[in-house]
Amino acid sequence: TFASYEELLDKADCTAVFIATPMLLHARQAI
């Protein structure tokens, strides 16, 4: 588990992300 999205992208073992955050964050986090 991570509190920081940037840390997750840097350290997590994942090939895909499911973005379920507040709507105004979707585009930036997807990019």
ModelCIF file with pLDDT and N, C-alpha, C, O atoms, coordinates in Angstrom:
data_MODEL
#
_entry.id   MODEL 
#
_entity.id                         1 
_entity.type                       polymer 
_entity.pdbx_number_of_molecules   1 
#
_entity_poly.entity_id                      1 
_entity_poly.type                           'polypeptide(L)' 
_entity_poly.nstd_linkage                   no 
_entity_poly.nstd_monomer                   no 
_entity_poly.pdbx_seq_one_letter_code       TFASYEELLDKADCTAVFIATPMLLHARQAI 
_entity_poly.pdbx_seq_one_letter_code_can   TFASYEELLDKADCTAVFIATPMLLHARQAI 
_entity_poly.pdbx_strand_id                 A 
#
loop_
_entity_poly_seq.entity_id 
_entity_poly_seq.num 
_entity_poly_seq.mon_id 
_entity_poly_seq.hetero 
1 1  THR n 
1 2  PHE n 
1 3  ALA n 
1 4  SER n 
1 5  TYR n 
1 6  GLU n 
1 7  GLU n 
1 8  LEU n 
1 9  LEU n 
1 10 ASP n 
1 11 LYS n 
1 12 ALA n 
1 13 ASP n 
1 14 CYS n 
1 15 THR n 
1 16 ALA n 
1 17 VAL n 
1 18 PHE n 
1 19 ILE n 
1 20 ALA n 
1 21 THR n 
1 22 PRO n 
1 23 MET n 
1 24 LEU n 
1 25 LEU n 
1 26 HIS n 
1 27 ALA n 
1 28 ARG n 
1 29 GLN n 
1 30 ALA n 
1 31 ILE n 
#
_struct_asym.id          A 
_struct_asym.entity_id   1 
#
loop_
_ma_qa_metric.id 
_ma_qa_metric.mode 
_ma_qa_metric.name 
_ma_qa_metric.software_group_id 
_ma_qa_metric.type 
1 global pLDDT . pLDDT 
2 local  pLDDT . pLDDT 
#
_ma_qa_metric_global.metric_id      1 
_ma_qa_metric_global.metric_value   97.52 
_ma_qa_metric_global.model_id       1 
_ma_qa_metric_global.ordinal_id     1 
#
loop_
_ma_qa_metric_local.label_asym_id 
_ma_qa_metric_local.label_comp_id 
_ma_qa_metric_local.label_seq_id 
_ma_qa_metric_local.metric_id 
_ma_qa_metric_local.metric_value 
_ma_qa_metric_local.model_id 
_ma_qa_metric_local.ordinal_id 
A THR 1  2 97.00 1 1  
A PHE 2  2 98.00 1 2  
A ALA 3  2 97.00 1 3  
A SER 4  2 98.00 1 4  
A TYR 5  2 98.00 1 5  
A GLU 6  2 98.00 1 6  
A GLU 7  2 98.00 1 7  
A LEU 8  2 98.00 1 8  
A LEU 9  2 98.00 1 9  
A ASP 10 2 98.00 1 10 
A LYS 11 2 98.00 1 11 
A ALA 12 2 98.00 1 12 
A ASP 13 2 98.00 1 13 
A CYS 14 2 98.00 1 14 
A THR 15 2 98.00 1 15 
A ALA 16 2 98.00 1 16 
A VAL 17 2 98.00 1 17 
A PHE 18 2 97.00 1 18 
A ILE 19 2 97.00 1 19 
A ALA 20 2 96.00 1 20 
A THR 21 2 96.00 1 21 
A PRO 22 2 95.00 1 22 
A MET 23 2 96.00 1 23 
A LEU 24 2 96.00 1 24 
A LEU 25 2 98.00 1 25 
A HIS 26 2 98.00 1 26 
A ALA 27 2 98.00 1 27 
A ARG 28 2 98.00 1 28 
A GLN 29 2 98.00 1 29 
A ALA 30 2 98.00 1 30 
A ILE 31 2 98.00 1 31 
#
loop_
_atom_site.group_PDB 
_atom_site.id 
_atom_site.type_symbol 
_atom_site.label_atom_id 
_atom_site.label_alt_id 
_atom_site.label_comp_id 
_atom_site.label_asym_id 
_atom_site.label_entity_id 
_atom_site.label_seq_id 
_atom_site.pdbx_PDB_ins_code 
_atom_site.Cartn_x 
_atom_site.Cartn_y 
_atom_site.Cartn_z 
_atom_site.occupancy 
_atom_site.B_iso_or_equiv 
_atom_site.pdbx_formal_charge 
_atom_site.auth_seq_id 
_atom_site.auth_comp_id 
_atom_site.auth_asym_id 
_atom_site.auth_atom_id 
_atom_site.pdbx_PDB_model_num 
ATOM 1   N N  . THR A 1 1  ? 0.837   -1.194 0.000   1.00 97.00 ? 1  THR A N  1 
ATOM 2   C CA . THR A 1 1  ? 0.000   0.000  0.000   1.00 97.00 ? 1  THR A CA 1 
ATOM 3   C C  . THR A 1 1  ? 0.875   1.248  0.000   1.00 97.00 ? 1  THR A C  1 
ATOM 4   O O  . THR A 1 1  ? 1.987   1.252  0.528   1.00 97.00 ? 1  THR A O  1 
ATOM 5   N N  . PHE A 1 2  ? 0.341   2.312  -0.608  1.00 98.00 ? 2  PHE A N  1 
ATOM 6   C CA . PHE A 1 2  ? 1.080   3.562  -0.761  1.00 98.00 ? 2  PHE A CA 1 
ATOM 7   C C  . PHE A 1 2  ? 0.161   4.744  -0.451  1.00 98.00 ? 2  PHE A C  1 
ATOM 8   O O  . PHE A 1 2  ? -1.030  4.715  -0.762  1.00 98.00 ? 2  PHE A O  1 
ATOM 9   N N  . ALA A 1 3  ? 0.721   5.767  0.157   1.00 97.00 ? 3  ALA A N  1 
ATOM 10  C CA . ALA A 1 3  ? 0.014   7.023  0.361   1.00 97.00 ? 3  ALA A CA 1 
ATOM 11  C C  . ALA A 1 3  ? 0.319   8.001  -0.771  1.00 97.00 ? 3  ALA A C  1 
ATOM 12  O O  . ALA A 1 3  ? -0.428  8.955  -0.988  1.00 97.00 ? 3  ALA A O  1 
ATOM 13  N N  . SER A 1 4  ? 1.419   7.763  -1.494  1.00 98.00 ? 4  SER A N  1 
ATOM 14  C CA . SER A 1 4  ? 1.861   8.649  -2.569  1.00 98.00 ? 4  SER A CA 1 
ATOM 15  C C  . SER A 1 4  ? 1.697   7.954  -3.927  1.00 98.00 ? 4  SER A C  1 
ATOM 16  O O  . SER A 1 4  ? 2.197   6.847  -4.130  1.00 98.00 ? 4  SER A O  1 
ATOM 17  N N  . TYR A 1 5  ? 1.007   8.601  -4.831  1.00 98.00 ? 5  TYR A N  1 
ATOM 18  C CA . TYR A 1 5  ? 0.836   8.038  -6.168  1.00 98.00 ? 5  TYR A CA 1 
ATOM 19  C C  . TYR A 1 5  ? 2.167   7.964  -6.904  1.00 98.00 ? 5  TYR A C  1 
ATOM 20  O O  . TYR A 1 5  ? 2.455   6.980  -7.586  1.00 98.00 ? 5  TYR A O  1 
ATOM 21  N N  . GLU A 1 6  ? 2.971   9.001  -6.763  1.00 98.00 ? 6  GLU A N  1 
ATOM 22  C CA . GLU A 1 6  ? 4.271   9.017  -7.425  1.00 98.00 ? 6  GLU A CA 1 
ATOM 23  C C  . GLU A 1 6  ? 5.159   7.873  -6.916  1.00 98.00 ? 6  GLU A C  1 
ATOM 24  O O  . GLU A 1 6  ? 5.886   7.253  -7.692  1.00 98.00 ? 6  GLU A O  1 
ATOM 25  N N  . GLU A 1 7  ? 5.096   7.602  -5.619  1.00 98.00 ? 7  GLU A N  1 
ATOM 26  C CA . GLU A 1 7  ? 5.881   6.505  -5.064  1.00 98.00 ? 7  GLU A CA 1 
ATOM 27  C C  . GLU A 1 7  ? 5.385   5.164  -5.593  1.00 98.00 ? 7  GLU A C  1 
ATOM 28  O O  . GLU A 1 7  ? 6.189   4.274  -5.874  1.00 98.00 ? 7  GLU A O  1 
ATOM 29  N N  . LEU A 1 8  ? 4.086   5.014  -5.730  1.00 98.00 ? 8  LEU A N  1 
ATOM 30  C CA . LEU A 1 8  ? 3.558   3.777  -6.295  1.00 98.00 ? 8  LEU A CA 1 
ATOM 31  C C  . LEU A 1 8  ? 4.067   3.566  -7.710  1.00 98.00 ? 8  LEU A C  1 
ATOM 32  O O  . LEU A 1 8  ? 4.524   2.472  -8.044  1.00 98.00 ? 8  LEU A O  1 
ATOM 33  N N  . LEU A 1 9  ? 3.996   4.600  -8.554  1.00 98.00 ? 9  LEU A N  1 
ATOM 34  C CA . LEU A 1 9  ? 4.469   4.459  -9.928  1.00 98.00 ? 9  LEU A CA 1 
ATOM 35  C C  . LEU A 1 9  ? 5.959   4.136  -9.972  1.00 98.00 ? 9  LEU A C  1 
ATOM 36  O O  . LEU A 1 9  ? 6.428   3.478  -10.901 1.00 98.00 ? 9  LEU A O  1 
ATOM 37  N N  . ASP A 1 10 ? 6.688   4.592  -8.986  1.00 98.00 ? 10 ASP A N  1 
ATOM 38  C CA . ASP A 1 10 ? 8.128   4.365  -8.959  1.00 98.00 ? 10 ASP A CA 1 
ATOM 39  C C  . ASP A 1 10 ? 8.497   2.985  -8.426  1.00 98.00 ? 10 ASP A C  1 
ATOM 40  O O  . ASP A 1 10 ? 9.482   2.394  -8.868  1.00 98.00 ? 10 ASP A O  1 
ATOM 41  N N  . LYS A 1 11 ? 7.700   2.459  -7.465  1.00 98.00 ? 11 LYS A N  1 
ATOM 42  C CA . LYS A 1 11 ? 8.135   1.268  -6.737  1.00 98.00 ? 11 LYS A CA 1 
ATOM 43  C C  . LYS A 1 11 ? 7.221   0.055  -6.895  1.00 98.00 ? 11 LYS A C  1 
ATOM 44  O O  . LYS A 1 11 ? 7.675   -1.072 -6.697  1.00 98.00 ? 11 LYS A O  1 
ATOM 45  N N  . ALA A 1 12 ? 5.967   0.245  -7.239  1.00 98.00 ? 12 ALA A N  1 
ATOM 46  C CA . ALA A 1 12 ? 5.021   -0.882 -7.231  1.00 98.00 ? 12 ALA A CA 1 
ATOM 47  C C  . ALA A 1 12 ? 5.282   -1.825 -8.400  1.00 98.00 ? 12 ALA A C  1 
ATOM 48  O O  . ALA A 1 12 ? 5.668   -1.396 -9.488  1.00 98.00 ? 12 ALA A O  1 
ATOM 49  N N  . ASP A 1 13 ? 5.068   -3.100 -8.159  1.00 98.00 ? 13 ASP A N  1 
ATOM 50  C CA . ASP A 1 13 ? 5.171   -4.124 -9.196  1.00 98.00 ? 13 ASP A CA 1 
ATOM 51  C C  . ASP A 1 13 ? 3.813   -4.247 -9.875  1.00 98.00 ? 13 ASP A C  1 
ATOM 52  O O  . ASP A 1 13 ? 2.993   -5.084 -9.498  1.00 98.00 ? 13 ASP A O  1 
ATOM 53  N N  . CYS A 1 14 ? 3.583   -3.404 -10.879 1.00 98.00 ? 14 CYS A N  1 
ATOM 54  C CA . CYS A 1 14 ? 2.298   -3.425 -11.570 1.00 98.00 ? 14 CYS A CA 1 
ATOM 55  C C  . CYS A 1 14 ? 2.500   -3.102 -13.045 1.00 98.00 ? 14 CYS A C  1 
ATOM 56  O O  . CYS A 1 14 ? 3.385   -2.331 -13.415 1.00 98.00 ? 14 CYS A O  1 
ATOM 57  N N  . THR A 1 15 ? 1.673   -3.700 -13.862 1.00 98.00 ? 15 THR A N  1 
ATOM 58  C CA . THR A 1 15 ? 1.684   -3.405 -15.299 1.00 98.00 ? 15 THR A CA 1 
ATOM 59  C C  . THR A 1 15 ? 0.540   -2.481 -15.688 1.00 98.00 ? 15 THR A C  1 
ATOM 60  O O  . THR A 1 15 ? 0.531   -1.934 -16.791 1.00 98.00 ? 15 THR A O  1 
ATOM 61  N N  . ALA A 1 16 ? -0.432  -2.301 -14.785 1.00 98.00 ? 16 ALA A N  1 
ATOM 62  C CA . ALA A 1 16 ? -1.596  -1.475 -15.094 1.00 98.00 ? 16 ALA A CA 1 
ATOM 63  C C  . ALA A 1 16 ? -2.112  -0.824 -13.817 1.00 98.00 ? 16 ALA A C  1 
ATOM 64  O O  . ALA A 1 16 ? -1.906  -1.337 -12.717 1.00 98.00 ? 16 ALA A O  1 
ATOM 65  N N  . VAL A 1 17 ? -2.789  0.318  -13.978 1.00 98.00 ? 17 VAL A N  1 
ATOM 66  C CA . VAL A 1 17 ? -3.410  0.984  -12.843 1.00 98.00 ? 17 VAL A CA 1 
ATOM 67  C C  . VAL A 1 17 ? -4.889  1.210  -13.124 1.00 98.00 ? 17 VAL A C  1 
ATOM 68  O O  . VAL A 1 17 ? -5.300  1.484  -14.252 1.00 98.00 ? 17 VAL A O  1 
ATOM 69  N N  . PHE A 1 18 ? -5.666  1.088  -12.069 1.00 97.00 ? 18 PHE A N  1 
ATOM 70  C CA . PHE A 1 18 ? -7.089  1.408  -12.127 1.00 97.00 ? 18 PHE A CA 1 
ATOM 71  C C  . PHE A 1 18 ? -7.286  2.689  -11.333 1.00 97.00 ? 18 PHE A C  1 
ATOM 72  O O  . PHE A 1 18 ? -7.125  2.693  -10.113 1.00 97.00 ? 18 PHE A O  1 
ATOM 73  N N  . ILE A 1 19 ? -7.637  3.787  -12.021 1.00 97.00 ? 19 ILE A N  1 
ATOM 74  C CA . ILE A 1 19 ? -7.760  5.099  -11.397 1.00 97.00 ? 19 ILE A CA 1 
ATOM 75  C C  . ILE A 1 19 ? -9.189  5.301  -10.921 1.00 97.00 ? 19 ILE A C  1 
ATOM 76  O O  . ILE A 1 19 ? -10.117 5.382  -11.726 1.00 97.00 ? 19 ILE A O  1 
ATOM 77  N N  . ALA A 1 20 ? -9.359  5.381  -9.605  1.00 96.00 ? 20 ALA A N  1 
ATOM 78  C CA . ALA A 1 20 ? -10.680 5.544  -8.999  1.00 96.00 ? 20 ALA A CA 1 
ATOM 79  C C  . ALA A 1 20 ? -10.656 6.675  -7.985  1.00 96.00 ? 20 ALA A C  1 
ATOM 80  O O  . ALA A 1 20 ? -11.269 6.588  -6.921  1.00 96.00 ? 20 ALA A O  1 
ATOM 81  N N  . THR A 1 21 ? -9.944  7.730  -8.328  1.00 96.00 ? 21 THR A N  1 
ATOM 82  C CA . THR A 1 21 ? -9.789  8.902  -7.475  1.00 96.00 ? 21 THR A CA 1 
ATOM 83  C C  . THR A 1 21 ? -10.856 9.941  -7.829  1.00 96.00 ? 21 THR A C  1 
ATOM 84  O O  . THR A 1 21 ? -11.621 9.722  -8.768  1.00 96.00 ? 21 THR A O  1 
ATOM 85  N N  . PRO A 1 22 ? -10.931 11.068 -7.103  1.00 95.00 ? 22 PRO A N  1 
ATOM 86  C CA . PRO A 1 22 ? -11.866 12.129 -7.491  1.00 95.00 ? 22 PRO A CA 1 
ATOM 87  C C  . PRO A 1 22 ? -11.667 12.563 -8.946  1.00 95.00 ? 22 PRO A C  1 
ATOM 88  O O  . PRO A 1 22 ? -10.558 12.534 -9.480  1.00 95.00 ? 22 PRO A O  1 
ATOM 89  N N  . MET A 1 23 ? -12.755 12.956 -9.551  1.00 96.00 ? 23 MET A N  1 
ATOM 90  C CA . MET A 1 23 ? -12.828 13.143 -11.000 1.00 96.00 ? 23 MET A CA 1 
ATOM 91  C C  . MET A 1 23 ? -11.789 14.119 -11.564 1.00 96.00 ? 23 MET A C  1 
ATOM 92  O O  . MET A 1 23 ? -11.250 13.891 -12.647 1.00 96.00 ? 23 MET A O  1 
ATOM 93  N N  . LEU A 1 24 ? -11.513 15.181 -10.847 1.00 96.00 ? 24 LEU A N  1 
ATOM 94  C CA . LEU A 1 24 ? -10.612 16.201 -11.372 1.00 96.00 ? 24 LEU A CA 1 
ATOM 95  C C  . LEU A 1 24 ? -9.178  15.705 -11.494 1.00 96.00 ? 24 LEU A C  1 
ATOM 96  O O  . LEU A 1 24 ? -8.353  16.356 -12.135 1.00 96.00 ? 24 LEU A O  1 
ATOM 97  N N  . LEU A 1 25 ? -8.867  14.551 -10.883 1.00 98.00 ? 25 LEU A N  1 
ATOM 98  C CA . LEU A 1 25 ? -7.509  14.009 -10.925 1.00 98.00 ? 25 LEU A CA 1 
ATOM 99  C C  . LEU A 1 25 ? -7.299  13.004 -12.054 1.00 98.00 ? 25 LEU A C  1 
ATOM 100 O O  . LEU A 1 25 ? -6.158  12.649 -12.352 1.00 98.00 ? 25 LEU A O  1 
ATOM 101 N N  . HIS A 1 26 ? -8.364  12.542 -12.681 1.00 98.00 ? 26 HIS A N  1 
ATOM 102 C CA . HIS A 1 26 ? -8.267  11.399 -13.586 1.00 98.00 ? 26 HIS A CA 1 
ATOM 103 C C  . HIS A 1 26 ? -7.279  11.610 -14.731 1.00 98.00 ? 26 HIS A C  1 
ATOM 104 O O  . HIS A 1 26 ? -6.405  10.772 -14.956 1.00 98.00 ? 26 HIS A O  1 
ATOM 105 N N  . ALA A 1 27 ? -7.406  12.699 -15.442 1.00 98.00 ? 27 ALA A N  1 
ATOM 106 C CA . ALA A 1 27 ? -6.575  12.907 -16.629 1.00 98.00 ? 27 ALA A CA 1 
ATOM 107 C C  . ALA A 1 27 ? -5.093  12.978 -16.263 1.00 98.00 ? 27 ALA A C  1 
ATOM 108 O O  . ALA A 1 27 ? -4.265  12.303 -16.873 1.00 98.00 ? 27 ALA A O  1 
ATOM 109 N N  . ARG A 1 28 ? -4.769  13.791 -15.273 1.00 98.00 ? 28 ARG A N  1 
ATOM 110 C CA . ARG A 1 28 ? -3.364  13.963 -14.913 1.00 98.00 ? 28 ARG A CA 1 
ATOM 111 C C  . ARG A 1 28 ? -2.763  12.649 -14.420 1.00 98.00 ? 28 ARG A C  1 
ATOM 112 O O  . ARG A 1 28 ? -1.633  12.317 -14.775 1.00 98.00 ? 28 ARG A O  1 
ATOM 113 N N  . GLN A 1 29 ? -3.499  11.907 -13.615 1.00 98.00 ? 29 GLN A N  1 
ATOM 114 C CA . GLN A 1 29 ? -2.968  10.642 -13.109 1.00 98.00 ? 29 GLN A CA 1 
ATOM 115 C C  . GLN A 1 29 ? -2.850  9.604  -14.214 1.00 98.00 ? 29 GLN A C  1 
ATOM 116 O O  . GLN A 1 29 ? -1.919  8.798  -14.204 1.00 98.00 ? 29 GLN A O  1 
ATOM 117 N N  . ALA A 1 30 ? -3.774  9.610  -15.165 1.00 98.00 ? 30 ALA A N  1 
ATOM 118 C CA . ALA A 1 30 ? -3.665  8.687  -16.296 1.00 98.00 ? 30 ALA A CA 1 
ATOM 119 C C  . ALA A 1 30 ? -2.427  8.996  -17.124 1.00 98.00 ? 30 ALA A C  1 
ATOM 120 O O  . ALA A 1 30 ? -1.702  8.085  -17.526 1.00 98.00 ? 30 ALA A O  1 
ATOM 121 N N  . ILE A 1 31 ? -2.185  10.264 -17.378 1.00 98.00 ? 31 ILE A N  1 
ATOM 122 C CA . ILE A 1 31 ? -1.017  10.668 -18.167 1.00 98.00 ? 31 ILE A CA 1 
ATOM 123 C C  . ILE A 1 31 ? 0.273   10.285 -17.441 1.00 98.00 ? 31 ILE A C  1 
ATOM 124 O O  . ILE A 1 31 ? 1.365   10.543 -17.947 1.00 98.00 ? 31 ILE A O  1 
#
